[in-house]
Every structure is written in C-alpha cells, then in structure tokens.
Amino acid sequence: MDAFGELTCRELVELVTDYLEGALSPEERMRFEDHLLICEGCSAYVDQVRQTISLVGALQEDSIPPPVRDQLLAAFRSWKSDGSSGERELE
C-alpha cells in the first residue's frame, strides 16, 4: 500500500482470493473495492477470476483425472505459499 492506504495493482492481485472468499478485514475490503472503482484493468481481472471460478466449479469431478487434479492442487498450493510468480511447469 502507498502512504495513503491505497492498494497497488500488484497488491490487489495478491489479495484477490481473500477478497472473493470474504476473508479481508472491512478496511482491506474497502481499499480493495476503492481500487476497483478507479482501475479498469483490475476490475476486469477480478471479473475474469470470478468467471474462471464459476467455470471450474461447473466441471464434473471426473472431468479431470485424479492424478492430474492432485498435481494441479499441489502446484497451486505451492505457488500460493511460496509467493512465486507461477512460472512453474507441471510435471
């Protein structure tokens, strides 16, 4: 955040999951939503993440073979926990 408490685009991207899960504090949520009001790119990004979640949620469980699903989940968990850029290849 800058000196005025406004989120940067990078910070918004890091918080998007917590925002969509309702896990932000009221103050963080307000700063997040204030940023969306002034940043068309971030607003489009949040909409895209929402659409992706909706589409993935519509997949039947057997649409992804269990070994592939497990590998994807492990990669996502590792990516989120280590803060990497996501430029990791799946094996």
N, C-alpha and C. Protein backbone atom coordinates (compact mmCIF):
# COMPACT_ATOMS: atom_id res chain seq x y z
N MET A 1 0.83 -1.18 0.00
CA MET A 1 0.00 0.00 0.00
C MET A 1 0.88 1.24 0.00
N ASP A 2 0.37 2.29 -0.61
CA ASP A 2 1.13 3.52 -0.58
C ASP A 2 0.85 4.27 0.73
N ALA A 3 1.41 5.46 0.83
CA ALA A 3 1.30 6.22 2.08
C ALA A 3 -0.14 6.58 2.42
N PHE A 4 -1.02 6.59 1.44
CA PHE A 4 -2.42 6.96 1.68
C PHE A 4 -3.32 5.75 1.89
N GLY A 5 -2.75 4.57 1.92
CA GLY A 5 -3.55 3.38 2.15
C GLY A 5 -4.20 2.80 0.91
N GLU A 6 -3.86 3.34 -0.27
CA GLU A 6 -4.43 2.81 -1.50
C GLU A 6 -3.64 1.58 -1.93
N LEU A 7 -4.36 0.61 -2.45
CA LEU A 7 -3.71 -0.59 -2.95
C LEU A 7 -3.09 -0.34 -4.30
N THR A 8 -1.97 -0.99 -4.56
CA THR A 8 -1.42 -1.01 -5.90
C THR A 8 -2.06 -2.18 -6.65
N CYS A 9 -1.90 -2.19 -7.95
CA CYS A 9 -2.44 -3.29 -8.75
C CYS A 9 -1.82 -4.62 -8.31
N ARG A 10 -0.54 -4.62 -8.05
CA ARG A 10 0.15 -5.85 -7.62
C ARG A 10 -0.42 -6.36 -6.30
N GLU A 11 -0.67 -5.46 -5.36
CA GLU A 11 -1.23 -5.86 -4.07
C GLU A 11 -2.65 -6.41 -4.24
N LEU A 12 -3.41 -5.80 -5.14
CA LEU A 12 -4.77 -6.28 -5.39
C LEU A 12 -4.73 -7.72 -5.91
N VAL A 13 -3.83 -7.99 -6.84
CA VAL A 13 -3.71 -9.35 -7.38
C VAL A 13 -3.39 -10.34 -6.27
N GLU A 14 -2.54 -9.95 -5.34
CA GLU A 14 -2.18 -10.84 -4.23
C GLU A 14 -3.35 -11.09 -3.29
N LEU A 15 -4.29 -10.15 -3.22
CA LEU A 15 -5.41 -10.25 -2.28
C LEU A 15 -6.70 -10.77 -2.90
N VAL A 16 -6.72 -11.00 -4.21
CA VAL A 16 -7.98 -11.31 -4.89
C VAL A 16 -8.66 -12.56 -4.33
N THR A 17 -7.91 -13.59 -4.01
CA THR A 17 -8.52 -14.81 -3.47
C THR A 17 -9.17 -14.53 -2.12
N ASP A 18 -8.46 -13.83 -1.25
CA ASP A 18 -9.03 -13.49 0.06
C ASP A 18 -10.27 -12.61 -0.11
N TYR A 19 -10.24 -11.70 -1.06
CA TYR A 19 -11.40 -10.84 -1.32
C TYR A 19 -12.60 -11.68 -1.74
N LEU A 20 -12.40 -12.56 -2.70
CA LEU A 20 -13.51 -13.37 -3.20
C LEU A 20 -14.03 -14.36 -2.17
N GLU A 21 -13.19 -14.74 -1.22
CA GLU A 21 -13.61 -15.65 -0.15
C GLU A 21 -14.16 -14.90 1.06
N GLY A 22 -14.18 -13.58 1.00
CA GLY A 22 -14.69 -12.78 2.12
C GLY A 22 -13.77 -12.77 3.33
N ALA A 23 -12.47 -12.96 3.09
CA ALA A 23 -11.52 -13.08 4.20
C ALA A 23 -10.78 -11.79 4.51
N LEU A 24 -11.08 -10.70 3.82
CA LEU A 24 -10.41 -9.43 4.11
C LEU A 24 -11.10 -8.72 5.27
N SER A 25 -10.32 -7.95 5.99
CA SER A 25 -10.91 -7.11 7.04
C SER A 25 -11.77 -6.05 6.35
N PRO A 26 -12.69 -5.43 7.08
CA PRO A 26 -13.51 -4.37 6.46
C PRO A 26 -12.66 -3.26 5.83
N GLU A 27 -11.56 -2.89 6.48
CA GLU A 27 -10.70 -1.83 5.95
C GLU A 27 -10.02 -2.28 4.66
N GLU A 28 -9.50 -3.53 4.65
CA GLU A 28 -8.86 -4.04 3.45
C GLU A 28 -9.86 -4.15 2.30
N ARG A 29 -11.06 -4.63 2.63
CA ARG A 29 -12.10 -4.77 1.61
C ARG A 29 -12.44 -3.40 1.00
N MET A 30 -12.54 -2.37 1.83
CA MET A 30 -12.85 -1.04 1.34
C MET A 30 -11.74 -0.54 0.41
N ARG A 31 -10.48 -0.73 0.80
CA ARG A 31 -9.37 -0.31 -0.06
C ARG A 31 -9.38 -1.09 -1.37
N PHE A 32 -9.67 -2.39 -1.28
CA PHE A 32 -9.74 -3.24 -2.47
C PHE A 32 -10.82 -2.71 -3.42
N GLU A 33 -12.01 -2.48 -2.89
CA GLU A 33 -13.13 -2.02 -3.72
C GLU A 33 -12.92 -0.60 -4.22
N ASP A 34 -12.26 0.25 -3.43
CA ASP A 34 -11.93 1.60 -3.91
C ASP A 34 -11.00 1.52 -5.12
N HIS A 35 -10.04 0.60 -5.07
CA HIS A 35 -9.12 0.43 -6.20
C HIS A 35 -9.88 -0.03 -7.44
N LEU A 36 -10.82 -0.95 -7.25
CA LEU A 36 -11.60 -1.43 -8.40
C LEU A 36 -12.38 -0.30 -9.07
N LEU A 37 -12.82 0.68 -8.29
CA LEU A 37 -13.57 1.81 -8.84
C LEU A 37 -12.73 2.68 -9.77
N ILE A 38 -11.43 2.72 -9.53
CA ILE A 38 -10.57 3.61 -10.32
C ILE A 38 -9.67 2.87 -11.31
N CYS A 39 -9.65 1.54 -11.27
CA CYS A 39 -8.73 0.79 -12.12
C CYS A 39 -9.50 -0.21 -12.98
N GLU A 40 -9.67 0.13 -14.23
CA GLU A 40 -10.41 -0.73 -15.15
C GLU A 40 -9.72 -2.08 -15.34
N GLY A 41 -8.40 -2.09 -15.38
CA GLY A 41 -7.65 -3.33 -15.57
C GLY A 41 -7.87 -4.31 -14.42
N CYS A 42 -7.81 -3.82 -13.20
CA CYS A 42 -8.01 -4.69 -12.04
C CYS A 42 -9.46 -5.14 -11.94
N SER A 43 -10.38 -4.26 -12.29
CA SER A 43 -11.79 -4.64 -12.29
C SER A 43 -12.03 -5.78 -13.27
N ALA A 44 -11.43 -5.68 -14.46
CA ALA A 44 -11.56 -6.75 -15.45
C ALA A 44 -10.90 -8.03 -14.94
N TYR A 45 -9.76 -7.89 -14.26
CA TYR A 45 -9.06 -9.05 -13.72
C TYR A 45 -9.93 -9.79 -12.69
N VAL A 46 -10.53 -9.05 -11.77
CA VAL A 46 -11.38 -9.67 -10.75
C VAL A 46 -12.58 -10.36 -11.41
N ASP A 47 -13.17 -9.72 -12.41
CA ASP A 47 -14.28 -10.35 -13.14
C ASP A 47 -13.83 -11.64 -13.81
N GLN A 48 -12.62 -11.63 -14.38
CA GLN A 48 -12.09 -12.82 -15.04
C GLN A 48 -11.87 -13.95 -14.03
N VAL A 49 -11.34 -13.62 -12.86
CA VAL A 49 -11.14 -14.64 -11.82
C VAL A 49 -12.48 -15.21 -11.38
N ARG A 50 -13.48 -14.35 -11.21
CA ARG A 50 -14.83 -14.83 -10.84
C ARG A 50 -15.37 -15.79 -11.90
N GLN A 51 -15.23 -15.43 -13.17
CA GLN A 51 -15.71 -16.29 -14.25
C GLN A 51 -14.97 -17.63 -14.26
N THR A 52 -13.67 -17.58 -14.04
CA THR A 52 -12.87 -18.81 -14.01
C THR A 52 -13.34 -19.71 -12.88
N ILE A 53 -13.55 -19.15 -11.71
CA ILE A 53 -14.03 -19.93 -10.56
C ILE A 53 -15.38 -20.54 -10.87
N SER A 54 -16.25 -19.78 -11.50
CA SER A 54 -17.57 -20.27 -11.85
C SER A 54 -17.48 -21.43 -12.85
N LEU A 55 -16.64 -21.28 -13.86
CA LEU A 55 -16.50 -22.34 -14.86
C LEU A 55 -15.86 -23.59 -14.28
N VAL A 56 -14.84 -23.41 -13.47
CA VAL A 56 -14.18 -24.56 -12.85
C VAL A 56 -15.14 -25.27 -11.91
N GLY A 57 -15.96 -24.50 -11.21
CA GLY A 57 -16.95 -25.09 -10.31
C GLY A 57 -17.99 -25.90 -11.05
N ALA A 58 -18.20 -25.59 -12.33
CA ALA A 58 -19.19 -26.31 -13.13
C ALA A 58 -18.65 -27.63 -13.67
N LEU A 59 -17.34 -27.83 -13.59
CA LEU A 59 -16.77 -29.09 -14.06
C LEU A 59 -17.22 -30.23 -13.17
N GLN A 60 -17.50 -31.34 -13.80
CA GLN A 60 -17.81 -32.53 -13.01
C GLN A 60 -16.51 -33.04 -12.42
N GLU A 61 -16.62 -33.65 -11.27
CA GLU A 61 -15.41 -34.09 -10.57
C GLU A 61 -14.56 -35.02 -11.42
N ASP A 62 -15.19 -35.86 -12.22
CA ASP A 62 -14.42 -36.80 -13.02
C ASP A 62 -13.94 -36.19 -14.34
N SER A 63 -14.15 -34.89 -14.55
CA SER A 63 -13.67 -34.23 -15.76
C SER A 63 -12.14 -34.15 -15.78
N ILE A 64 -11.53 -34.09 -14.62
CA ILE A 64 -10.08 -34.04 -14.51
C ILE A 64 -9.64 -35.34 -13.84
N PRO A 65 -8.76 -36.10 -14.50
CA PRO A 65 -8.28 -37.34 -13.87
C PRO A 65 -7.66 -37.05 -12.50
N PRO A 66 -7.93 -37.90 -11.52
CA PRO A 66 -7.42 -37.65 -10.16
C PRO A 66 -5.93 -37.33 -10.07
N PRO A 67 -5.04 -38.04 -10.79
CA PRO A 67 -3.62 -37.68 -10.66
C PRO A 67 -3.32 -36.26 -11.16
N VAL A 68 -4.00 -35.85 -12.23
CA VAL A 68 -3.80 -34.51 -12.76
C VAL A 68 -4.37 -33.48 -11.79
N ARG A 69 -5.55 -33.76 -11.25
CA ARG A 69 -6.16 -32.85 -10.27
C ARG A 69 -5.24 -32.67 -9.07
N ASP A 70 -4.71 -33.78 -8.55
CA ASP A 70 -3.82 -33.71 -7.39
C ASP A 70 -2.56 -32.90 -7.69
N GLN A 71 -2.04 -33.09 -8.90
CA GLN A 71 -0.84 -32.35 -9.30
C GLN A 71 -1.14 -30.85 -9.41
N LEU A 72 -2.27 -30.51 -9.99
CA LEU A 72 -2.66 -29.10 -10.09
C LEU A 72 -2.86 -28.47 -8.72
N LEU A 73 -3.56 -29.18 -7.84
CA LEU A 73 -3.79 -28.65 -6.49
C LEU A 73 -2.47 -28.44 -5.75
N ALA A 74 -1.55 -29.39 -5.89
CA ALA A 74 -0.24 -29.26 -5.23
C ALA A 74 0.52 -28.06 -5.79
N ALA A 75 0.45 -27.87 -7.11
CA ALA A 75 1.15 -26.74 -7.73
C ALA A 75 0.55 -25.42 -7.26
N PHE A 76 -0.78 -25.32 -7.19
CA PHE A 76 -1.43 -24.09 -6.75
C PHE A 76 -1.10 -23.79 -5.29
N ARG A 77 -1.13 -24.83 -4.46
CA ARG A 77 -0.82 -24.62 -3.03
C ARG A 77 0.62 -24.15 -2.86
N SER A 78 1.53 -24.78 -3.58
CA SER A 78 2.93 -24.41 -3.50
C SER A 78 3.14 -22.99 -4.00
N TRP A 79 2.48 -22.66 -5.09
CA TRP A 79 2.61 -21.31 -5.67
C TRP A 79 2.12 -20.26 -4.69
N LYS A 80 0.98 -20.51 -4.06
CA LYS A 80 0.43 -19.53 -3.13
C LYS A 80 1.30 -19.42 -1.88
N SER A 81 1.82 -20.54 -1.39
CA SER A 81 2.58 -20.50 -0.14
C SER A 81 3.97 -19.90 -0.30
N ASP A 82 4.59 -20.06 -1.48
CA ASP A 82 5.94 -19.52 -1.64
C ASP A 82 5.96 -18.16 -2.34
N GLY A 83 4.80 -17.69 -2.79
CA GLY A 83 4.73 -16.37 -3.39
C GLY A 83 5.43 -16.27 -4.73
N SER A 84 5.67 -17.39 -5.38
CA SER A 84 6.34 -17.35 -6.68
C SER A 84 5.43 -16.76 -7.74
N SER A 85 6.00 -16.52 -8.89
CA SER A 85 5.26 -15.86 -9.96
C SER A 85 4.35 -16.79 -10.72
N GLY A 86 4.39 -18.08 -10.42
CA GLY A 86 3.53 -19.03 -11.13
C GLY A 86 4.15 -19.54 -12.41
N GLU A 87 5.41 -19.23 -12.64
CA GLU A 87 6.07 -19.66 -13.87
C GLU A 87 6.69 -21.04 -13.69
N ARG A 88 5.97 -21.91 -13.07
CA ARG A 88 6.44 -23.25 -12.78
C ARG A 88 5.77 -24.21 -13.75
N GLU A 89 6.51 -25.17 -14.25
CA GLU A 89 5.93 -26.15 -15.15
C GLU A 89 5.38 -27.33 -14.37
N LEU A 90 4.26 -27.85 -14.83
CA LEU A 90 3.72 -29.06 -14.25
C LEU A 90 4.49 -30.24 -14.79
N GLU A 91 4.72 -31.23 -13.96
CA GLU A 91 5.45 -32.42 -14.40
C GLU A 91 4.54 -33.37 -15.11
